[in-house]
Amino acid sequence: MESRSDYLIIGSGIAGLSFALKAASVGTVTIVTKKEKMDTSTNFAQGGMASVLDPMDSFELHIEDTLESGAGLCKEDIVRLVVTNAPAMIHELISLGVNFSRNSTQADRLDLTREGGHSRRRIVHTEDLTGQEVERALLHNVELNKNIEIYENHMAIDLITTSKFTKRGISSNETEETCWGAYVLDIATGEAKSFLAGVTVLATGGAGKVYLYTTNPDIATGDGVAIGYRAGAKIANMEFVQFHPTCLYHPLEKNFLISESLRGEGARLIDKRANHFMEHYHSLQDLATRDIVARSIDAELKKSGDECVYLDISHRDADFIRTRFPHIYKRCLELNIDITKEPIPVVPAAHYMCGGIVTDTRGKTNIHNLYALGEVACTGLHGANRLASNSLIEALVFAHFAFEDSVTVLTEKGDQRCPPAPLWDSGSATDSDESVVVSHNWDEVRRLMWNYVGIVRTNKRLTRAMTRIGVIQQEIKDYYWDFTITGDLLELRNIATVAELIITSATMRKESRGLHYNLDYPDRDDANWRHDTVI
């Protein structure tokens, strides 16, 4: 099967959907998403979006907070671009039907909360289910648009680029690497399809499932970074994996996030003896940035031997807690934890990838006609550590500028069409009767990354990780070419690729900065390492 449209968007989170709504005004849009359309990292986002909307706040303060969090690696022009365009993006969402929480005393004003690293209250939210509300509103508008078609349970395999034409002896007018769409697996039928487009957008989200413990949904397997890398896209800063400090620690809940907003509203981190410990690690205590808080918890756990620490907001009014955090309150109560009366057991977990596919100020990659938006991209906003609630707003701002740029790309192409894509060739591949190989390697990659390339690293751990990931990669390569592809195999292939990129980047950086902490190089080295790690 071959499908053609002006735009192909891979992913159905905030970045892909907001881009699609704009692109539909000038052309036809195809969205492919590997699970149901609501299965996105956006849908799981609790906290909110950072934007200067309070008279007591300013763009300069938001910029300063972002630069401070990024530990010297943020690109200031990108930070300024996102921060100054953020208010307009919030108002655009409101016009699309997003219902943000309002101030309890002034209904005409949005309720603004504060999170770690922010010097002012500037987080716009919908109670503690912001991402779900944004996803709902965007999907509602997408489904009403006749120019947009969504293919659920379709997973991108690889990009269709100029080199794939030349390898098959098919002529192309392009002299440089150009993207013409993607090969996509129909998970239900097992058929590999060709989706061709003038502009392709990677908006596949993050890669938290590369680690054993993560706040991310099961779909976060780094697909966009992996397929972009295989096509020749530049990848940067993969060593900077943000571990959220407070993931619920409970045997029945593997990845439930306890929002940073609790600490913004006064929650305190304590050990099992009810001792507050953050005062020993940073002057901002519980409101320090995520890298500092996660490392502090890690240090406490290693020192005590305990399995978790606790987050306590029970000193706040019970009605306030139930109103401000209804989702967290309800889920914890279902697990017999009443957060109005007792502390919440928490541990750090892999949460956000600050690195990704390198893009410019318009979301363009080094491959023609290919854009990357959202968590899959490395724009220069986050540097070595993302400031809380800057990610959703980044996705909106870059979707806006990428759309504007893409219109020019389509106009320049005019009537030029992509030639018929080479058909997907399965060769002599057969159905596998040993799927245990996939599940075993999947588990090994994630344990390997958690134990050797986690919050705190060493040269010895990184060397061991690189040796083992090389063996696993070869096993996956052999399996990939011998057997018919499945969604599970594609995800394994992708998490192994992303794991290798993280290990390589972490090995290259001979210092500690932001989210990358190496005991063998404990100090920050601005003289030699104040630059991106590019692969």
Protein backbone atom coordinates (compact mmCIF):
# COMPACT_ATOMS: atom_id res chain seq x y z
CA MET A 1 0.00 0.00 0.00
CA GLU A 2 1.15 3.54 -0.80
CA SER A 3 -0.35 6.67 0.78
CA ARG A 4 0.42 10.24 -0.31
CA SER A 5 -0.21 13.55 1.43
CA ASP A 6 1.39 16.97 1.75
CA TYR A 7 2.38 16.32 5.35
CA LEU A 8 3.24 13.14 7.24
CA ILE A 9 3.32 13.50 11.03
CA ILE A 10 4.64 10.62 13.11
CA GLY A 11 3.20 10.96 16.61
CA SER A 12 -0.04 12.29 18.11
CA GLY A 13 1.08 14.29 21.14
CA ILE A 14 1.00 18.05 21.62
CA ALA A 15 3.75 18.71 19.05
CA GLY A 16 2.26 16.58 16.27
CA LEU A 17 -1.36 17.63 16.81
CA SER A 18 -0.67 21.35 17.08
CA PHE A 19 1.44 21.20 13.90
CA ALA A 20 -1.27 19.18 12.12
CA LEU A 21 -3.97 21.75 12.86
CA LYS A 22 -1.89 24.49 11.28
CA ALA A 23 -0.71 22.38 8.34
CA ALA A 24 -4.29 21.39 7.49
CA SER A 25 -4.95 24.99 6.53
CA VAL A 26 -2.64 24.64 3.51
CA GLY A 27 -2.60 20.94 2.62
CA THR A 28 -3.49 17.34 3.38
CA VAL A 29 -2.16 15.81 6.58
CA THR A 30 -1.56 12.20 7.59
CA ILE A 31 -0.86 11.32 11.23
CA VAL A 32 0.45 7.88 12.15
CA THR A 33 0.59 6.81 15.79
CA LYS A 34 1.69 3.41 17.03
CA LYS A 35 -1.00 2.89 19.65
CA GLU A 36 -4.33 4.64 20.21
CA LYS A 37 -4.27 8.36 19.43
CA MET A 38 -4.55 9.27 23.14
CA ASP A 39 -1.54 7.10 24.06
CA THR A 40 1.03 9.87 24.27
CA SER A 41 3.43 11.34 26.81
CA THR A 42 1.42 14.57 26.57
CA ASN A 43 -1.59 12.76 27.96
CA PHE A 44 0.40 11.81 31.07
CA ALA A 45 1.75 15.31 31.80
CA GLN A 46 0.45 16.45 35.18
CA GLY A 47 2.22 19.71 35.94
CA GLY A 48 1.56 22.31 33.25
CA MET A 49 3.16 24.89 30.98
CA ALA A 50 5.49 27.70 31.97
CA SER A 51 4.52 31.13 30.66
CA VAL A 52 4.92 34.70 31.85
CA LEU A 53 1.36 35.82 32.56
CA ASP A 54 1.67 37.51 35.97
CA PRO A 55 2.47 41.25 36.30
CA MET A 56 5.01 40.35 38.99
CA ASP A 57 6.85 38.09 36.50
CA SER A 58 8.93 38.96 33.43
CA PHE A 59 10.42 37.38 30.33
CA GLU A 60 13.90 38.11 31.67
CA LEU A 61 13.22 36.20 34.89
CA HIS A 62 11.89 33.17 32.98
CA ILE A 63 14.91 33.31 30.67
CA GLU A 64 17.27 33.57 33.64
CA ASP A 65 15.64 30.58 35.38
CA THR A 66 15.88 28.47 32.21
CA LEU A 67 19.54 29.35 31.64
CA GLU A 68 20.38 28.60 35.27
CA SER A 69 18.69 25.21 35.08
CA GLY A 70 20.43 24.35 31.79
CA ALA A 71 23.88 24.53 33.42
CA GLY A 72 25.58 26.54 30.70
CA LEU A 73 24.39 24.63 27.64
CA CYS A 74 21.13 26.40 26.76
CA LYS A 75 21.17 28.46 23.58
CA GLU A 76 20.06 31.88 24.76
CA ASP A 77 18.44 32.84 21.45
CA ILE A 78 16.29 29.69 21.59
CA VAL A 79 15.37 30.32 25.23
CA ARG A 80 14.30 33.85 24.37
CA LEU A 81 12.32 32.61 21.35
CA VAL A 82 10.33 30.12 23.42
CA VAL A 83 9.80 32.32 26.48
CA THR A 84 8.60 35.38 24.55
CA ASN A 85 6.21 33.34 22.39
CA ALA A 86 4.82 31.27 25.25
CA PRO A 87 1.92 33.58 26.26
CA ALA A 88 0.56 33.62 22.70
CA MET A 89 0.64 29.82 22.64
CA ILE A 90 -1.33 29.63 25.90
CA HIS A 91 -4.01 31.92 24.49
CA GLU A 92 -4.08 29.86 21.29
CA LEU A 93 -4.80 26.72 23.33
CA ILE A 94 -7.59 28.53 25.16
CA SER A 95 -9.10 29.47 21.78
CA LEU A 96 -9.01 25.77 20.85
CA GLY A 97 -11.05 24.90 23.93
CA VAL A 98 -8.45 24.01 26.55
CA ASN A 99 -9.90 24.62 30.01
CA PHE A 100 -7.10 25.78 32.28
CA SER A 101 -7.66 26.14 36.02
CA ARG A 102 -8.76 29.62 37.07
CA ASN A 103 -7.77 31.68 40.08
CA SER A 104 -10.09 30.90 43.00
CA THR A 105 -10.64 34.59 43.81
CA GLN A 106 -10.38 36.10 40.30
CA ALA A 107 -12.14 33.91 37.75
CA ASP A 108 -10.90 36.03 34.85
CA ARG A 109 -7.30 35.10 35.67
CA LEU A 110 -5.53 31.78 35.20
CA ASP A 111 -4.31 29.98 38.29
CA LEU A 112 -0.51 30.00 38.29
CA THR A 113 1.56 27.60 40.35
CA ARG A 114 5.30 27.26 40.95
CA GLU A 115 7.71 24.39 40.41
CA GLY A 116 11.37 23.68 41.15
CA GLY A 117 13.84 26.13 39.59
CA HIS A 118 11.22 28.82 38.92
CA SER A 119 11.59 32.14 40.73
CA ARG A 120 7.94 33.07 40.20
CA ARG A 121 4.53 31.39 39.96
CA ARG A 122 4.14 30.93 36.19
CA ILE A 123 2.88 27.38 35.62
CA VAL A 124 -0.47 27.25 33.81
CA HIS A 125 -2.31 24.02 34.58
CA THR A 126 -5.59 22.12 34.61
CA GLU A 127 -5.63 20.81 38.17
CA ASP A 128 -3.06 17.98 38.01
CA LEU A 129 -4.14 16.64 34.60
CA THR A 130 -2.90 19.37 32.27
CA GLY A 131 -1.62 17.11 29.51
CA GLN A 132 -4.85 15.13 29.37
CA GLU A 133 -6.89 18.31 28.92
CA VAL A 134 -4.58 19.66 26.21
CA GLU A 135 -4.60 16.33 24.37
CA ARG A 136 -8.41 16.19 24.57
CA ALA A 137 -8.88 19.63 23.08
CA LEU A 138 -6.32 19.20 20.30
CA LEU A 139 -7.67 15.80 19.29
CA HIS A 140 -11.22 17.17 19.24
CA ASN A 141 -10.15 19.86 16.76
CA VAL A 142 -8.12 17.40 14.69
CA GLU A 143 -11.03 14.99 14.38
CA LEU A 144 -13.25 17.79 13.08
CA ASN A 145 -10.75 18.69 10.33
CA LYS A 146 -11.42 16.96 7.00
CA ASN A 147 -7.86 17.58 5.81
CA ILE A 148 -6.39 15.37 8.56
CA GLU A 149 -6.40 11.57 8.57
CA ILE A 150 -5.18 9.56 11.57
CA TYR A 151 -3.84 6.00 11.34
CA GLU A 152 -3.81 4.38 14.78
CA ASN A 153 -1.75 1.27 15.56
CA HIS A 154 0.71 2.16 12.82
CA MET A 155 4.40 2.29 13.73
CA ALA A 156 7.15 3.96 11.72
CA ILE A 157 9.89 1.54 10.66
CA ASP A 158 12.35 3.79 8.83
CA LEU A 159 12.34 7.04 6.88
CA ILE A 160 12.18 6.99 3.10
CA THR A 161 15.15 9.07 1.98
CA THR A 162 17.03 9.79 -1.23
CA SER A 163 19.64 7.15 -0.44
CA LYS A 164 16.94 4.46 -0.38
CA PHE A 165 16.03 5.37 -3.97
CA THR A 166 19.60 5.32 -5.21
CA LYS A 167 20.33 1.97 -3.51
CA ARG A 168 17.45 0.46 -5.47
CA GLY A 169 18.57 2.07 -8.75
CA ILE A 170 15.68 4.57 -8.83
CA SER A 171 16.57 8.03 -10.13
CA SER A 172 15.91 11.11 -8.04
CA ASN A 173 16.27 14.83 -8.73
CA GLU A 174 17.63 15.41 -5.22
CA THR A 175 21.41 15.72 -4.86
CA GLU A 176 21.36 15.89 -1.05
CA GLU A 177 19.70 13.63 1.49
CA THR A 178 15.97 14.36 1.42
CA CYS A 179 13.11 12.76 3.30
CA TRP A 180 10.03 11.68 1.35
CA GLY A 181 8.05 9.99 4.10
CA ALA A 182 8.37 6.71 5.97
CA TYR A 183 7.83 2.98 5.85
CA VAL A 184 5.14 2.20 8.41
CA LEU A 185 4.08 -1.11 9.96
CA ASP A 186 0.35 -1.78 10.24
CA ILE A 187 0.50 -3.57 13.57
CA ALA A 188 -2.88 -5.25 13.11
CA THR A 189 -2.07 -6.85 9.73
CA GLY A 190 1.72 -6.97 9.81
CA GLU A 191 1.85 -5.16 6.45
CA ALA A 192 4.64 -2.64 5.78
CA LYS A 193 3.22 0.41 4.01
CA SER A 194 4.77 3.41 2.27
CA PHE A 195 3.54 6.81 3.48
CA LEU A 196 4.89 9.49 1.14
CA ALA A 197 4.80 13.23 1.83
CA GLY A 198 6.38 16.52 0.85
CA VAL A 199 7.13 17.29 4.50
CA THR A 200 7.72 14.74 7.26
CA VAL A 201 7.54 15.58 10.96
CA LEU A 202 8.96 13.39 13.71
CA ALA A 203 6.95 14.05 16.89
CA THR A 204 7.29 10.66 18.57
CA GLY A 205 8.00 11.81 22.13
CA GLY A 206 10.58 10.48 24.56
CA ALA A 207 12.61 7.42 25.44
CA GLY A 208 11.92 6.68 29.10
CA LYS A 209 11.36 2.97 28.45
CA VAL A 210 15.09 2.66 27.77
CA TYR A 211 15.32 2.56 31.57
CA LEU A 212 13.90 -0.01 33.97
CA TYR A 213 12.05 2.59 36.04
CA THR A 214 10.32 5.46 34.29
CA THR A 215 7.38 7.82 34.57
CA ASN A 216 6.79 7.50 30.82
CA PRO A 217 4.01 5.50 29.15
CA ASP A 218 4.86 2.24 27.38
CA ILE A 219 5.01 3.97 23.99
CA ALA A 220 8.13 6.01 24.95
CA THR A 221 10.76 3.83 23.26
CA GLY A 222 12.80 6.52 21.51
CA ASP A 223 11.46 5.65 18.06
CA GLY A 224 11.98 9.07 16.49
CA VAL A 225 15.58 9.46 17.63
CA ALA A 226 16.42 5.94 16.43
CA ILE A 227 14.86 6.20 12.96
CA GLY A 228 16.23 9.73 12.54
CA TYR A 229 19.73 8.53 13.46
CA ARG A 230 19.51 5.59 11.05
CA ALA A 231 18.60 8.03 8.27
CA GLY A 232 21.58 10.28 9.01
CA ALA A 233 20.09 12.96 11.27
CA LYS A 234 22.47 14.56 13.75
CA ILE A 235 21.85 13.63 17.38
CA ALA A 236 22.97 15.73 20.35
CA ASN A 237 23.19 15.68 24.17
CA MET A 238 21.84 12.18 24.75
CA GLU A 239 23.78 11.95 28.02
CA PHE A 240 21.33 14.39 29.60
CA VAL A 241 18.50 12.12 30.75
CA GLN A 242 16.28 13.80 33.31
CA PHE A 243 15.20 11.61 36.20
CA HIS A 244 12.05 12.91 37.84
CA PRO A 245 12.71 12.96 41.60
CA THR A 246 9.27 11.76 42.66
CA CYS A 247 7.77 8.69 41.05
CA LEU A 248 5.33 6.79 43.27
CA TYR A 249 7.01 3.79 44.89
CA HIS A 250 4.38 1.05 45.06
CA PRO A 251 4.27 -2.57 43.84
CA LEU A 252 0.95 -2.04 42.04
CA GLU A 253 1.91 1.17 40.20
CA LYS A 254 4.99 1.06 38.00
CA ASN A 255 5.17 4.59 36.56
CA PHE A 256 2.82 6.97 38.35
CA LEU A 257 4.30 10.46 38.53
CA ILE A 258 3.90 12.61 41.64
CA SER A 259 3.93 16.09 40.13
CA GLU A 260 6.59 18.63 41.01
CA SER A 261 3.70 20.98 41.69
CA LEU A 262 3.29 19.35 45.10
CA ARG A 263 6.68 20.72 46.08
CA GLY A 264 5.66 24.02 44.51
CA GLU A 265 2.72 24.06 46.92
CA GLY A 266 4.81 23.25 49.98
CA ALA A 267 5.42 19.49 50.01
CA ARG A 268 8.70 18.42 51.65
CA LEU A 269 10.98 15.46 51.07
CA ILE A 270 11.68 13.39 54.18
CA ASP A 271 13.31 10.07 55.01
CA LYS A 272 11.53 7.20 56.73
CA ARG A 273 12.39 8.73 60.11
CA ALA A 274 10.56 11.91 59.02
CA ASN A 275 13.80 13.91 58.75
CA HIS A 276 13.83 16.65 56.13
CA PHE A 277 17.07 16.30 54.16
CA MET A 278 17.06 18.72 51.20
CA GLU A 279 18.44 21.55 53.35
CA HIS A 280 21.74 19.63 53.36
CA TYR A 281 22.01 19.66 49.56
CA HIS A 282 20.85 23.04 48.23
CA SER A 283 19.79 26.48 49.38
CA LEU A 284 16.47 26.14 47.51
CA GLN A 285 15.87 22.88 49.39
CA ASP A 286 12.78 21.10 47.97
CA LEU A 287 12.47 23.66 45.14
CA ALA A 288 15.93 23.00 43.71
CA THR A 289 16.08 21.88 40.07
CA ARG A 290 15.31 18.26 39.20
CA ASP A 291 18.90 17.13 38.66
CA ILE A 292 19.88 18.28 42.14
CA VAL A 293 16.81 16.80 43.85
CA ALA A 294 17.15 13.45 42.04
CA ARG A 295 20.85 13.16 42.95
CA SER A 296 20.07 14.15 46.54
CA ILE A 297 17.47 11.39 46.85
CA ASP A 298 19.87 8.93 45.21
CA ALA A 299 22.55 9.88 47.75
CA GLU A 300 20.13 9.50 50.67
CA LEU A 301 19.04 6.05 49.50
CA LYS A 302 22.62 4.87 49.04
CA LYS A 303 23.52 6.18 52.49
CA SER A 304 20.52 4.70 54.31
CA GLY A 305 19.93 1.55 52.29
CA ASP A 306 16.22 2.39 52.23
CA GLU A 307 14.13 1.61 49.15
CA CYS A 308 12.42 5.01 48.96
CA VAL A 309 12.04 8.44 50.52
CA TYR A 310 8.77 10.25 51.19
CA LEU A 311 7.02 13.39 49.97
CA ASP A 312 4.84 15.01 52.61
CA ILE A 313 2.13 17.58 51.90
CA SER A 314 -0.17 16.50 54.73
CA HIS A 315 0.47 19.76 56.62
CA ARG A 316 -1.58 21.62 53.98
CA ASP A 317 -5.36 21.92 54.27
CA ALA A 318 -7.07 18.66 53.22
CA ASP A 319 -9.66 20.39 51.04
CA PHE A 320 -6.91 22.31 49.24
CA ILE A 321 -5.02 19.08 48.53
CA ARG A 322 -8.11 17.29 47.19
CA THR A 323 -9.07 20.29 45.00
CA ARG A 324 -5.59 21.13 43.70
CA PHE A 325 -4.42 17.53 43.14
CA PRO A 326 -7.58 15.46 42.56
CA HIS A 327 -5.96 12.90 40.25
CA ILE A 328 -2.96 12.24 42.51
CA TYR A 329 -5.19 12.17 45.60
CA LYS A 330 -7.60 9.67 44.02
CA ARG A 331 -4.94 7.32 42.66
CA CYS A 332 -2.98 7.27 45.92
CA LEU A 333 -6.17 6.66 47.89
CA GLU A 334 -6.92 3.67 45.66
CA LEU A 335 -3.56 2.32 46.82
CA ASN A 336 -4.45 3.01 50.48
CA ILE A 337 -2.32 6.15 50.74
CA ASP A 338 -4.23 9.19 52.01
CA ILE A 339 -1.97 12.09 51.05
CA THR A 340 -3.97 14.48 53.27
CA LYS A 341 -2.83 12.48 56.30
CA GLU A 342 0.40 10.67 55.41
CA PRO A 343 3.53 11.07 53.24
CA ILE A 344 3.86 9.50 49.78
CA PRO A 345 6.65 6.94 49.12
CA VAL A 346 8.68 8.12 46.13
CA VAL A 347 11.83 7.28 44.12
CA PRO A 348 13.50 8.93 41.10
CA ALA A 349 12.65 7.52 37.66
CA ALA A 350 13.66 8.28 34.07
CA HIS A 351 11.39 11.08 32.90
CA TYR A 352 12.59 13.29 30.06
CA MET A 353 15.23 13.25 27.32
CA CYS A 354 16.92 16.63 26.97
CA GLY A 355 18.89 15.46 23.96
CA GLY A 356 17.57 14.32 20.61
CA ILE A 357 17.59 15.16 16.91
CA VAL A 358 19.38 18.45 16.29
CA THR A 359 17.10 21.16 14.88
CA ASP A 360 17.40 24.82 14.02
CA THR A 361 15.11 27.65 15.14
CA ARG A 362 12.40 26.36 12.81
CA GLY A 363 12.50 22.71 13.83
CA LYS A 364 14.43 21.66 10.71
CA THR A 365 16.93 18.80 10.82
CA ASN A 366 20.00 18.34 8.61
CA ILE A 367 17.88 16.13 6.30
CA HIS A 368 15.82 18.13 3.80
CA ASN A 369 12.03 18.17 4.34
CA LEU A 370 12.40 16.51 7.76
CA TYR A 371 11.37 18.33 10.95
CA ALA A 372 11.58 17.16 14.57
CA LEU A 373 9.31 18.57 17.27
CA GLY A 374 8.81 18.02 20.98
CA GLU A 375 10.84 15.67 23.14
CA VAL A 376 12.38 13.90 20.13
CA ALA A 377 14.19 17.14 19.22
CA CYS A 378 17.24 18.87 20.67
CA THR A 379 16.49 22.56 20.08
CA GLY A 380 18.92 24.12 22.54
CA LEU A 381 16.20 25.17 25.00
CA HIS A 382 16.92 22.70 27.80
CA GLY A 383 20.71 22.54 27.77
CA ALA A 384 21.99 20.06 30.35
CA ASN A 385 18.80 20.04 32.42
CA ARG A 386 15.21 20.92 31.52
CA LEU A 387 13.47 23.50 33.68
CA ALA A 388 10.14 22.12 34.88
CA SER A 389 7.13 22.73 32.58
CA ASN A 390 9.19 24.16 29.72
CA SER A 391 8.66 21.15 27.45
CA LEU A 392 4.99 21.41 26.45
CA ILE A 393 5.38 25.09 25.65
CA GLU A 394 8.52 24.32 23.62
CA ALA A 395 6.50 21.85 21.53
CA LEU A 396 3.86 24.48 20.77
CA VAL A 397 6.32 27.24 19.87
CA PHE A 398 8.40 25.06 17.56
CA ALA A 399 5.32 23.53 15.94
CA HIS A 400 4.24 27.07 15.06
CA PHE A 401 7.57 28.11 13.50
CA ALA A 402 8.08 24.74 11.81
CA PHE A 403 4.70 25.08 10.13
CA GLU A 404 5.56 28.56 8.85
CA ASP A 405 8.83 27.25 7.44
CA SER A 406 7.20 24.15 5.91
CA VAL A 407 4.85 26.28 3.82
CA THR A 408 7.89 27.69 2.06
CA VAL A 409 9.24 24.18 1.49
CA LEU A 410 6.00 23.02 -0.13
CA THR A 411 5.78 26.18 -2.24
CA GLU A 412 9.32 25.72 -3.55
CA LYS A 413 8.54 22.12 -4.50
CA GLY A 414 5.51 23.18 -6.51
CA ASP A 415 4.28 20.20 -8.51
CA GLN A 416 7.45 18.18 -7.98
CA ARG A 417 6.38 14.77 -6.76
CA CYS A 418 8.24 11.99 -5.07
CA PRO A 419 8.72 9.06 -7.45
CA PRO A 420 7.11 5.76 -6.45
CA ALA A 421 8.91 4.60 -3.32
CA PRO A 422 10.80 1.32 -3.37
CA LEU A 423 8.50 -1.38 -2.04
CA TRP A 424 9.30 -2.72 1.38
CA ASP A 425 11.41 -5.84 0.85
CA SER A 426 11.11 -8.51 3.54
CA GLY A 427 13.60 -10.72 1.70
CA SER A 428 13.71 -14.26 3.07
CA ALA A 429 12.48 -13.28 6.54
CA THR A 430 10.20 -15.77 8.25
CA ASP A 431 7.87 -15.64 11.25
CA SER A 432 9.76 -16.16 14.48
CA ASP A 433 8.91 -18.89 16.95
CA GLU A 434 11.41 -17.52 19.49
CA SER A 435 9.92 -14.23 20.66
CA VAL A 436 11.59 -14.88 24.03
CA VAL A 437 14.75 -13.46 22.41
CA VAL A 438 13.00 -10.10 22.03
CA SER A 439 11.61 -10.01 25.56
CA HIS A 440 14.94 -11.11 27.08
CA ASN A 441 16.97 -8.45 25.27
CA TRP A 442 14.32 -5.83 26.01
CA ASP A 443 14.66 -6.53 29.73
CA GLU A 444 18.45 -6.68 29.59
CA VAL A 445 18.80 -3.30 27.86
CA ARG A 446 16.61 -1.59 30.45
CA ARG A 447 18.38 -3.16 33.45
CA LEU A 448 21.76 -2.41 31.90
CA MET A 449 20.88 1.26 31.48
CA TRP A 450 19.42 1.58 34.99
CA ASN A 451 22.41 -0.04 36.71
CA TYR A 452 25.27 1.41 34.64
CA VAL A 453 24.03 4.61 32.99
CA GLY A 454 21.64 6.00 35.60
CA ILE A 455 21.63 9.06 37.84
CA VAL A 456 25.29 8.62 38.88
CA ARG A 457 27.85 7.16 36.44
CA THR A 458 31.48 6.04 36.38
CA ASN A 459 33.95 5.29 33.58
CA LYS A 460 33.97 1.59 34.51
CA ARG A 461 30.17 1.33 34.40
CA LEU A 462 30.04 3.11 31.04
CA THR A 463 32.71 0.82 29.57
CA ARG A 464 30.82 -2.26 30.71
CA ALA A 465 27.58 -0.85 29.32
CA MET A 466 29.17 -0.13 25.93
CA THR A 467 30.61 -3.65 25.68
CA ARG A 468 27.30 -5.31 26.49
CA ILE A 469 25.16 -3.05 24.30
CA GLY A 470 27.41 -3.94 21.36
CA VAL A 471 26.68 -7.64 21.84
CA ILE A 472 22.95 -6.99 22.20
CA GLN A 473 22.93 -4.80 19.08
CA GLN A 474 24.47 -7.60 17.01
CA GLU A 475 21.89 -10.09 18.32
CA ILE A 476 19.09 -7.69 17.41
CA LYS A 477 20.57 -7.05 13.95
CA ASP A 478 20.72 -10.77 13.19
CA TYR A 479 17.19 -11.28 14.48
CA TYR A 480 15.86 -8.25 12.56
CA TRP A 481 17.03 -9.53 9.18
CA ASP A 482 16.09 -13.16 9.78
CA PHE A 483 12.52 -12.74 10.97
CA THR A 484 9.39 -10.85 9.96
CA ILE A 485 9.17 -7.51 11.74
CA THR A 486 6.72 -6.90 14.57
CA GLY A 487 5.98 -3.91 16.76
CA ASP A 488 7.87 -5.50 19.66
CA LEU A 489 10.94 -6.11 17.52
CA LEU A 490 10.91 -2.54 16.19
CA GLU A 491 10.69 -1.13 19.72
CA LEU A 492 13.56 -3.34 20.88
CA ARG A 493 15.66 -2.23 17.91
CA ASN A 494 14.93 1.40 18.78
CA ILE A 495 15.59 1.27 22.53
CA ALA A 496 18.90 -0.50 21.87
CA THR A 497 19.90 2.22 19.41
CA VAL A 498 18.94 4.97 21.85
CA ALA A 499 20.76 3.19 24.67
CA GLU A 500 23.92 3.07 22.57
CA LEU A 501 23.59 6.78 21.79
CA ILE A 502 23.19 7.62 25.49
CA ILE A 503 26.21 5.50 26.46
CA THR A 504 28.33 6.99 23.66
CA SER A 505 27.41 10.56 24.61
CA ALA A 506 28.01 9.93 28.33
CA THR A 507 31.40 8.39 27.55
CA MET A 508 32.41 11.36 25.40
CA ARG A 509 31.66 14.00 28.07
CA LYS A 510 34.61 14.13 30.49
CA GLU A 511 32.96 16.25 33.18
CA SER A 512 29.83 16.46 35.33
CA ARG A 513 27.18 18.94 34.22
CA GLY A 514 23.45 19.14 34.80
CA LEU A 515 21.88 15.71 34.43
CA HIS A 516 25.18 13.99 33.60
CA TYR A 517 27.12 13.15 36.77
CA ASN A 518 30.29 11.05 36.53
CA LEU A 519 32.14 10.21 39.77
CA ASP A 520 35.42 10.09 37.82
CA TYR A 521 34.89 13.67 36.59
CA PRO A 522 32.88 15.26 39.42
CA ASP A 523 33.46 18.89 38.41
CA ARG A 524 32.02 21.05 35.67
CA ASP A 525 34.61 22.00 33.04
CA ASP A 526 33.55 25.12 31.15
CA ALA A 527 36.95 25.51 29.52
CA ASN A 528 36.65 22.28 27.53
CA TRP A 529 33.06 21.04 27.66
CA ARG A 530 30.70 23.99 27.33
CA HIS A 531 29.33 22.65 24.07
CA ASP A 532 26.89 20.05 22.78
CA THR A 533 27.80 16.40 22.36
CA VAL A 534 26.93 15.70 18.73
CA ILE A 535 26.79 12.27 17.07
